PDB file of N, CA and C in Angstrom:
ATOM      1  N   MET A   1      45.670  43.573  39.209  1.00  0.00           N
ATOM      2  CA  MET A   1      46.780  44.493  39.244  1.00  0.00           C
ATOM      3  C   MET A   1      46.338  45.786  38.569  1.00  0.00           C
ATOM      4  N   LYS A   2      46.610  46.898  39.164  1.00  0.00           N
ATOM      5  CA  LYS A   2      46.284  48.196  38.589  1.00  0.00           C
ATOM      6  C   LYS A   2      47.528  48.805  37.967  1.00  0.00           C
ATOM      7  N   ALA A   3      47.310  49.603  36.946  1.00  0.00           N
ATOM      8  CA  ALA A   3      48.408  50.322  36.300  1.00  0.00           C
ATOM      9  C   ALA A   3      47.888  51.692  35.892  1.00  0.00           C
ATOM     10  N   ARG A   4      48.797  52.618  35.660  1.00  0.00           N
ATOM     11  CA  ARG A   4      48.422  53.959  35.228  1.00  0.00           C
ATOM     12  C   ARG A   4      48.749  54.142  33.766  1.00  0.00           C
ATOM     13  N   LEU A   5      47.932  54.944  33.095  1.00  0.00           N
ATOM     14  CA  LEU A   5      48.242  55.339  31.732  1.00  0.00           C
ATOM     15  C   LEU A   5      49.338  56.386  31.776  1.00  0.00           C
ATOM     16  N   VAL A   6      50.298  56.286  30.869  1.00  0.00           N
ATOM     17  CA  VAL A   6      51.378  57.260  30.783  1.00  0.00           C
ATOM     18  C   VAL A   6      51.345  57.898  29.398  1.00  0.00           C
ATOM     19  N   ASN A   7      51.779  59.137  29.306  1.00  0.00           N
ATOM     20  CA  ASN A   7      51.828  59.830  28.021  1.00  0.00           C
ATOM     21  C   ASN A   7      52.997  59.308  27.210  1.00  0.00           C
ATOM     22  N   MET A   8      52.733  59.064  25.924  1.00  0.00           N
ATOM     23  CA  MET A   8      53.755  58.603  24.981  1.00  0.00           C
ATOM     24  C   MET A   8      53.540  59.377  23.691  1.00  0.00           C
ATOM     25  N   GLY A   9      54.099  60.540  23.610  1.00  0.00           N
ATOM     26  CA  GLY A   9      53.871  61.397  22.448  1.00  0.00           C
ATOM     27  C   GLY A   9      52.418  61.829  22.424  1.00  0.00           C
ATOM     28  N   ASN A  10      51.732  61.581  21.289  1.00  0.00           N
ATOM     29  CA  ASN A  10      50.317  61.918  21.179  1.00  0.00           C
ATOM     30  C   ASN A  10      49.405  60.793  21.646  1.00  0.00           C
ATOM     31  N   SER A  11      49.981  59.711  22.164  1.00  0.00           N
ATOM     32  CA  SER A  11      49.205  58.546  22.591  1.00  0.00           C
ATOM     33  C   SER A  11      49.336  58.361  24.091  1.00  0.00           C
ATOM     34  N   ARG A  12      48.679  57.332  24.595  1.00  0.00           N
ATOM     35  CA  ARG A  12      48.807  56.947  25.991  1.00  0.00           C
ATOM     36  C   ARG A  12      49.208  55.486  26.010  1.00  0.00           C
ATOM     37  N   GLY A  13      49.941  55.086  27.017  1.00  0.00           N
ATOM     38  CA  GLY A  13      50.406  53.714  27.090  1.00  0.00           C
ATOM     39  C   GLY A  13      50.307  53.160  28.492  1.00  0.00           C
ATOM     40  N   VAL A  14      50.509  51.861  28.591  1.00  0.00           N
ATOM     41  CA  VAL A  14      50.513  51.160  29.873  1.00  0.00           C
ATOM     42  C   VAL A  14      51.818  50.404  29.967  1.00  0.00           C
ATOM     43  N   ARG A  15      52.495  50.509  31.090  1.00  0.00           N
ATOM     44  CA  ARG A  15      53.707  49.717  31.311  1.00  0.00           C
ATOM     45  C   ARG A  15      53.273  48.360  31.854  1.00  0.00           C
ATOM     46  N   ILE A  16      53.701  47.322  31.171  1.00  0.00           N
ATOM     47  CA  ILE A  16      53.319  45.964  31.572  1.00  0.00           C
ATOM     48  C   ILE A  16      54.509  45.319  32.268  1.00  0.00           C
ATOM     49  N   PRO A  17      54.322  44.833  33.475  1.00  0.00           N
ATOM     50  CA  PRO A  17      55.424  44.205  34.197  1.00  0.00           C
ATOM     51  C   PRO A  17      55.964  42.976  33.451  1.00  0.00           C
ATOM     52  N   LYS A  18      57.269  42.776  33.533  1.00  0.00           N
ATOM     53  CA  LYS A  18      57.950  41.692  32.831  1.00  0.00           C
ATOM     54  C   LYS A  18      57.359  40.319  33.143  1.00  0.00           C
ATOM     55  N   PRO A  19      57.028  39.994  34.406  1.00  0.00           N
ATOM     56  CA  PRO A  19      56.453  38.666  34.672  1.00  0.00           C
ATOM     57  C   PRO A  19      55.145  38.417  33.895  1.00  0.00           C
ATOM     58  N   LEU A  20      54.312  39.444  33.733  1.00  0.00           N
ATOM     59  CA  LEU A  20      53.079  39.279  32.968  1.00  0.00           C
ATOM     60  C   LEU A  20      53.371  39.035  31.494  1.00  0.00           C
ATOM     61  N   ILE A  21      54.353  39.742  30.958  1.00  0.00           N
ATOM     62  CA  ILE A  21      54.741  39.569  29.560  1.00  0.00           C
ATOM     63  C   ILE A  21      55.240  38.148  29.322  1.00  0.00           C
ATOM     64  N   GLU A  22      56.075  37.658  30.214  1.00  0.00           N
ATOM     65  CA  GLU A  22      56.603  36.306  30.074  1.00  0.00           C
ATOM     66  C   GLU A  22      55.507  35.253  30.211  1.00  0.00           C
ATOM     67  N   GLU A  23      54.601  35.455  31.161  1.00  0.00           N
ATOM     68  CA  GLU A  23      53.520  34.497  31.372  1.00  0.00           C
ATOM     69  C   GLU A  23      52.583  34.431  30.164  1.00  0.00           C
ATOM     70  N   ALA A  24      52.374  35.572  29.501  1.00  0.00           N
ATOM     71  CA  ALA A  24      51.499  35.620  28.324  1.00  0.00           C
ATOM     72  C   ALA A  24      52.206  35.134  27.063  1.00  0.00           C
ATOM     73  N   GLY A  25      53.517  34.953  27.114  1.00  0.00           N
ATOM     74  CA  GLY A  25      54.260  34.494  25.943  1.00  0.00           C
ATOM     75  C   GLY A  25      54.423  35.568  24.885  1.00  0.00           C
ATOM     76  N   ILE A  26      54.432  36.816  25.313  1.00  0.00           N
ATOM     77  CA  ILE A  26      54.584  37.925  24.379  1.00  0.00           C
ATOM     78  C   ILE A  26      56.066  38.153  24.113  1.00  0.00           C
ATOM     79  N   VAL A  27      56.425  38.268  22.814  1.00  0.00           N
ATOM     80  CA  VAL A  27      57.825  38.473  22.455  1.00  0.00           C
ATOM     81  C   VAL A  27      58.027  39.912  22.015  1.00  0.00           C
ATOM     82  N   ASP A  28      57.630  40.240  20.790  1.00  0.00           N
ATOM     83  CA  ASP A  28      57.830  41.594  20.277  1.00  0.00           C
ATOM     84  C   ASP A  28      56.552  42.249  19.789  1.00  0.00           C
ATOM     85  N   GLU A  29      55.653  41.455  19.240  1.00  0.00           N
ATOM     86  CA  GLU A  29      54.472  42.014  18.599  1.00  0.00           C
ATOM     87  C   GLU A  29      53.216  41.507  19.299  1.00  0.00           C
ATOM     88  N   VAL A  30      52.229  42.392  19.433  1.00  0.00           N
ATOM     89  CA  VAL A  30      50.967  42.022  20.074  1.00  0.00           C
ATOM     90  C   VAL A  30      49.798  42.373  19.171  1.00  0.00           C
ATOM     91  N   GLU A  31      48.654  41.774  19.464  1.00  0.00           N
ATOM     92  CA  GLU A  31      47.403  42.119  18.805  1.00  0.00           C
ATOM     93  C   GLU A  31      46.513  42.783  19.847  1.00  0.00           C
ATOM     94  N   LEU A  32      45.859  43.861  19.457  1.00  0.00           N
ATOM     95  CA  LEU A  32      44.970  44.593  20.346  1.00  0.00           C
ATOM     96  C   LEU A  32      43.557  44.540  19.789  1.00  0.00           C
ATOM     97  N   HIS A  33      42.589  44.312  20.659  1.00  0.00           N
ATOM     98  CA  HIS A  33      41.193  44.445  20.269  1.00  0.00           C
ATOM     99  C   HIS A  33      40.361  44.742  21.509  1.00  0.00           C
ATOM    100  N   VAL A  34      39.162  45.233  21.274  1.00  0.00           N
ATOM    101  CA  VAL A  34      38.259  45.575  22.369  1.00  0.00           C
ATOM    102  C   VAL A  34      37.194  44.493  22.463  1.00  0.00           C
ATOM    103  N   ARG A  35      36.969  44.003  23.669  1.00  0.00           N
ATOM    104  CA  ARG A  35      35.942  42.991  23.915  1.00  0.00           C
ATOM    105  C   ARG A  35      35.170  43.371  25.166  1.00  0.00           C
ATOM    106  N   ASP A  36      33.894  43.617  25.014  1.00  0.00           N
ATOM    107  CA  ASP A  36      33.017  43.955  26.141  1.00  0.00           C
ATOM    108  C   ASP A  36      33.573  45.108  26.980  1.00  0.00           C
ATOM    109  N   GLY A  37      34.037  46.154  26.322  1.00  0.00           N
ATOM    110  CA  GLY A  37      34.527  47.332  27.028  1.00  0.00           C
ATOM    111  C   GLY A  37      35.919  47.187  27.624  1.00  0.00           C
ATOM    112  N   ALA A  38      36.619  46.114  27.291  1.00  0.00           N
ATOM    113  CA  ALA A  38      37.980  45.899  27.795  1.00  0.00           C
ATOM    114  C   ALA A  38      38.949  45.853  26.619  1.00  0.00           C
ATOM    115  N   ILE A  39      40.135  46.382  26.818  1.00  0.00           N
ATOM    116  CA  ILE A  39      41.182  46.294  25.801  1.00  0.00           C
ATOM    117  C   ILE A  39      41.952  45.000  26.057  1.00  0.00           C
ATOM    118  N   VAL A  40      41.988  44.146  25.065  1.00  0.00           N
ATOM    119  CA  VAL A  40      42.657  42.847  25.190  1.00  0.00           C
ATOM    120  C   VAL A  40      43.976  42.919  24.441  1.00  0.00           C
ATOM    121  N   ILE A  41      45.063  42.574  25.120  1.00  0.00           N
ATOM    122  CA  ILE A  41      46.394  42.531  24.529  1.00  0.00           C
ATOM    123  C   ILE A  41      46.791  41.055  24.475  1.00  0.00           C
ATOM    124  N   ALA A  42      47.078  40.561  23.269  1.00  0.00           N
ATOM    125  CA  ALA A  42      47.422  39.141  23.115  1.00  0.00           C
ATOM    126  C   ALA A  42      48.681  39.018  22.273  1.00  0.00           C
ATOM    127  N   ALA A  43      49.406  37.930  22.488  1.00  0.00           N
ATOM    128  CA  ALA A  43      50.582  37.659  21.664  1.00  0.00           C
ATOM    129  C   ALA A  43      50.138  37.549  20.214  1.00  0.00           C
ATOM    130  N   ALA A  44      50.901  38.148  19.311  1.00  0.00           N
ATOM    131  CA  ALA A  44      50.562  38.115  17.889  1.00  0.00           C
ATOM    132  C   ALA A  44      50.728  36.701  17.361  1.00  0.00           C
ATOM    133  N   ARG A  45      49.762  36.281  16.540  1.00  0.00           N
ATOM    134  CA  ARG A  45      49.843  34.971  15.905  1.00  0.00           C
ATOM    135  C   ARG A  45      50.563  35.114  14.577  1.00  0.00           C
ATOM    136  N   ALA A  46      51.154  34.025  14.147  1.00  0.00           N
ATOM    137  CA  ALA A  46      51.811  34.012  12.838  1.00  0.00           C
ATOM    138  C   ALA A  46      50.745  34.156  11.753  1.00  0.00           C
ATOM    139  N   PRO A  47      51.062  34.820  10.646  1.00  0.00           N
ATOM    140  CA  PRO A  47      50.077  34.954   9.568  1.00  0.00           C
ATOM    141  C   PRO A  47      49.605  33.593   9.076  1.00  0.00           C
ATOM    142  N   ARG A  48      48.324  33.490   8.824  1.00  0.00           N
ATOM    143  CA  ARG A  48      47.683  32.297   8.275  1.00  0.00           C
ATOM    144  C   ARG A  48      47.759  31.081   9.204  1.00  0.00           C
ATOM    145  N   THR A  49      47.953  31.303  10.497  1.00  0.00           N
ATOM    146  CA  THR A  49      47.957  30.192  11.438  1.00  0.00           C
ATOM    147  C   THR A  49      46.581  29.536  11.439  1.00  0.00           C
ATOM    148  N   GLY A  50      46.547  28.240  11.266  1.00  0.00           N
ATOM    149  CA  GLY A  50      45.300  27.494  11.294  1.00  0.00           C
ATOM    150  C   GLY A  50      44.547  27.449   9.977  1.00  0.00           C
ATOM    151  N   TRP A  51      45.081  28.084   8.928  1.00  0.00           N
ATOM    152  CA  TRP A  51      44.381  28.094   7.640  1.00  0.00           C
ATOM    153  C   TRP A  51      44.267  26.700   7.051  1.00  0.00           C
ATOM    154  N   SER A  52      45.307  25.890   7.130  1.00  0.00           N
ATOM    155  CA  SER A  52      45.263  24.562   6.511  1.00  0.00           C
ATOM    156  C   SER A  52      44.213  23.686   7.192  1.00  0.00           C
ATOM    157  N   GLU A  53      44.082  23.784   8.513  1.00  0.00           N
ATOM    158  CA  GLU A  53      43.071  23.014   9.228  1.00  0.00           C
ATOM    159  C   GLU A  53      41.666  23.479   8.839  1.00  0.00           C
ATOM    160  N   ALA A  54      41.483  24.795   8.742  1.00  0.00           N
ATOM    161  CA  ALA A  54      40.177  25.333   8.357  1.00  0.00           C
ATOM    162  C   ALA A  54      39.821  24.928   6.933  1.00  0.00           C
ATOM    163  N   ALA A  55      40.791  24.946   6.032  1.00  0.00           N
ATOM    164  CA  ALA A  55      40.537  24.545   4.646  1.00  0.00           C
ATOM    165  C   ALA A  55      40.172  23.071   4.571  1.00  0.00           C
ATOM    166  N   ALA A  56      40.815  22.249   5.377  1.00  0.00           N
ATOM    167  CA  ALA A  56      40.501  20.822   5.380  1.00  0.00           C
ATOM    168  C   ALA A  56      39.068  20.593   5.845  1.00  0.00           C
ATOM    169  N   GLN A  57      38.620  21.332   6.848  1.00  0.00           N
ATOM    170  CA  GLN A  57      37.242  21.198   7.320  1.00  0.00           C
ATOM    171  C   GLN A  57      36.249  21.670   6.265  1.00  0.00           C
ATOM    172  N   LEU A  58      36.576  22.737   5.554  1.00  0.00           N
ATOM    173  CA  LEU A  58      35.689  23.248   4.515  1.00  0.00           C
ATOM    174  C   LEU A  58      35.552  22.276   3.354  1.00  0.00           C
ATOM    175  N   SER A  59      36.653  21.672   2.962  1.00  0.00           N
ATOM    176  CA  SER A  59      36.642  20.817   1.774  1.00  0.00           C
ATOM    177  C   SER A  59      35.831  19.541   1.979  1.00  0.00           C
ATOM    178  N   GLU A  60      35.593  19.159   3.213  1.00  0.00           N
ATOM    179  CA  GLU A  60      34.852  17.922   3.468  1.00  0.00           C
ATOM    180  C   GLU A  60      33.421  17.995   2.942  1.00  0.00           C
ATOM    181  N   GLY A  61      32.766  19.128   3.072  1.00  0.00           N
ATOM    182  CA  GLY A  61      31.382  19.243   2.631  1.00  0.00           C
ATOM    183  C   GLY A  61      31.218  20.180   1.453  1.00  0.00           C
ATOM    184  N   LEU A  62      32.285  20.472   0.759  1.00  0.00           N
ATOM    185  CA  LEU A  62      32.256  21.472  -0.287  1.00  0.00           C
ATOM    186  C   LEU A  62      31.683  20.949  -1.599  1.00  0.00           C
ATOM    187  N   LEU A  63      31.958  19.715  -1.950  1.00  0.00           N
ATOM    188  CA  LEU A  63      31.513  19.178  -3.236  1.00  0.00           C
ATOM    189  C   LEU A  63      30.113  18.598  -3.116  1.00  0.00           C
ATOM    190  N   ASP A  64      29.321  18.810  -4.169  1.00  0.00           N
ATOM    191  CA  ASP A  64      27.983  18.226  -4.225  1.00  0.00           C
ATOM    192  C   ASP A  64      28.107  16.726  -4.462  1.00  0.00           C
ATOM    193  N   PRO A  65      27.148  15.957  -3.978  1.00  0.00           N
ATOM    194  CA  PRO A  65      27.198  14.514  -4.245  1.00  0.00           C
ATOM    195  C   PRO A  65      26.958  14.257  -5.727  1.00  0.00           C
ATOM    196  N   ASP A  66      27.435  13.106  -6.206  1.00  0.00           N
ATOM    197  CA  ASP A  66      27.220  12.730  -7.602  1.00  0.00           C
ATOM    198  C   ASP A  66      25.735  12.471  -7.831  1.00  0.00           C
ATOM    199  N   LEU A  67      25.162  13.145  -8.819  1.00  0.00           N
ATOM    200  CA  LEU A  67      23.762  12.952  -9.173  1.00  0.00           C
ATOM    201  C   LEU A  67      23.695  12.303 -10.543  1.00  0.00           C
ATOM    202  N   PRO A  68      22.886  11.261 -10.689  1.00  0.00           N
ATOM    203  CA  PRO A  68      22.796  10.602 -11.995  1.00  0.00           C
ATOM    204  C   PRO A  68      22.100  11.516 -13.012  1.00  0.00           C
ATOM    205  N   THR A  69      22.527  11.385 -14.251  1.00  0.00           N
ATOM    206  CA  THR A  69      21.912  12.113 -15.353  1.00  0.00           C
ATOM    207  C   THR A  69      21.429  11.105 -16.385  1.00  0.00           C
ATOM    208  N   ARG A  70      20.781  11.590 -17.429  1.00  0.00           N
ATOM    209  CA  ARG A  70      20.296  10.665 -18.461  1.00  0.00           C
ATOM    210  C   ARG A  70      21.464   9.984 -19.169  1.00  0.00           C
ATOM    211  N   PHE A  71      22.630  10.600 -19.162  1.00  0.00           N
ATOM    212  CA  PHE A  71      23.797   9.996 -19.793  1.00  0.00           C
ATOM    213  C   PHE A  71      24.284   8.783 -19.008  1.00  0.00           C
ATOM    214  N   ASP A  72      24.021   8.753 -17.733  1.00  0.00           N
ATOM    215  CA  ASP A  72      24.384   7.592 -16.920  1.00  0.00           C
ATOM    216  C   ASP A  72      23.395   6.447 -17.117  1.00  0.00           C
ATOM    217  N   GLU A  73      22.153   6.757 -17.410  1.00  0.00           N
ATOM    218  CA  GLU A  73      21.115   5.738 -17.539  1.00  0.00           C
ATOM    219  C   GLU A  73      21.076   5.106 -18.919  1.00  0.00           C
ATOM    220  N   ASP A  74      21.333   5.873 -19.961  1.00  0.00           N
ATOM    221  CA  ASP A  74      21.280   5.363 -21.329  1.00  0.00           C
ATOM    222  C   ASP A  74      22.642   4.827 -21.759  1.00  0.00           C
ATOM    223  N   GLU A  75      22.568   3.777 -22.573  1.00  0.00           N
ATOM    224  CA  GLU A  75      23.808   3.228 -23.118  1.00  0.00           C
ATOM    225  C   GLU A  75      24.290   4.133 -24.244  1.00  0.00           C
ATOM    226  N   TRP A  76      25.569   4.393 -24.296  1.00  0.00           N
ATOM    227  CA  TRP A  76      26.123   5.275 -25.325  1.00  0.00           C
ATOM    228  C   TRP A  76      26.338   4.511 -26.606  1.00  0.00           C
ATOM    229  N   HIS A  77      26.057   5.180 -27.722  1.00  0.00           N
ATOM    230  CA  HIS A  77      26.294   4.573 -29.041  1.00  0.00           C
ATOM    231  C   HIS A  77      27.373   5.396 -29.743  1.00  0.00           C
ATOM    232  N   TRP A  78      28.407   4.718 -30.178  1.00  0.00           N
ATOM    233  CA  TRP A  78      29.519   5.419 -30.854  1.00  0.00           C
ATOM    234  C   TRP A  78      29.395   5.315 -32.329  1.00  0.00           C
TER     235      TRP A  78
END
């Protein structure tokens, strides 16, 4: 589908047809970024979405394994 850029004050904009907006699940806010020379418009994600899953994956290998020390080998005298 082709569209034209329209003037919007000091910026330029694109009118997106309603069926495309609904199909993409866009409500009010979008995220914009450039990928390989294309402008990508995506539905905005909630802040910190997926952080708990990422933290769980990080914590699995975060701690060093228990290493024996001389205190583990020698009997303690009180």
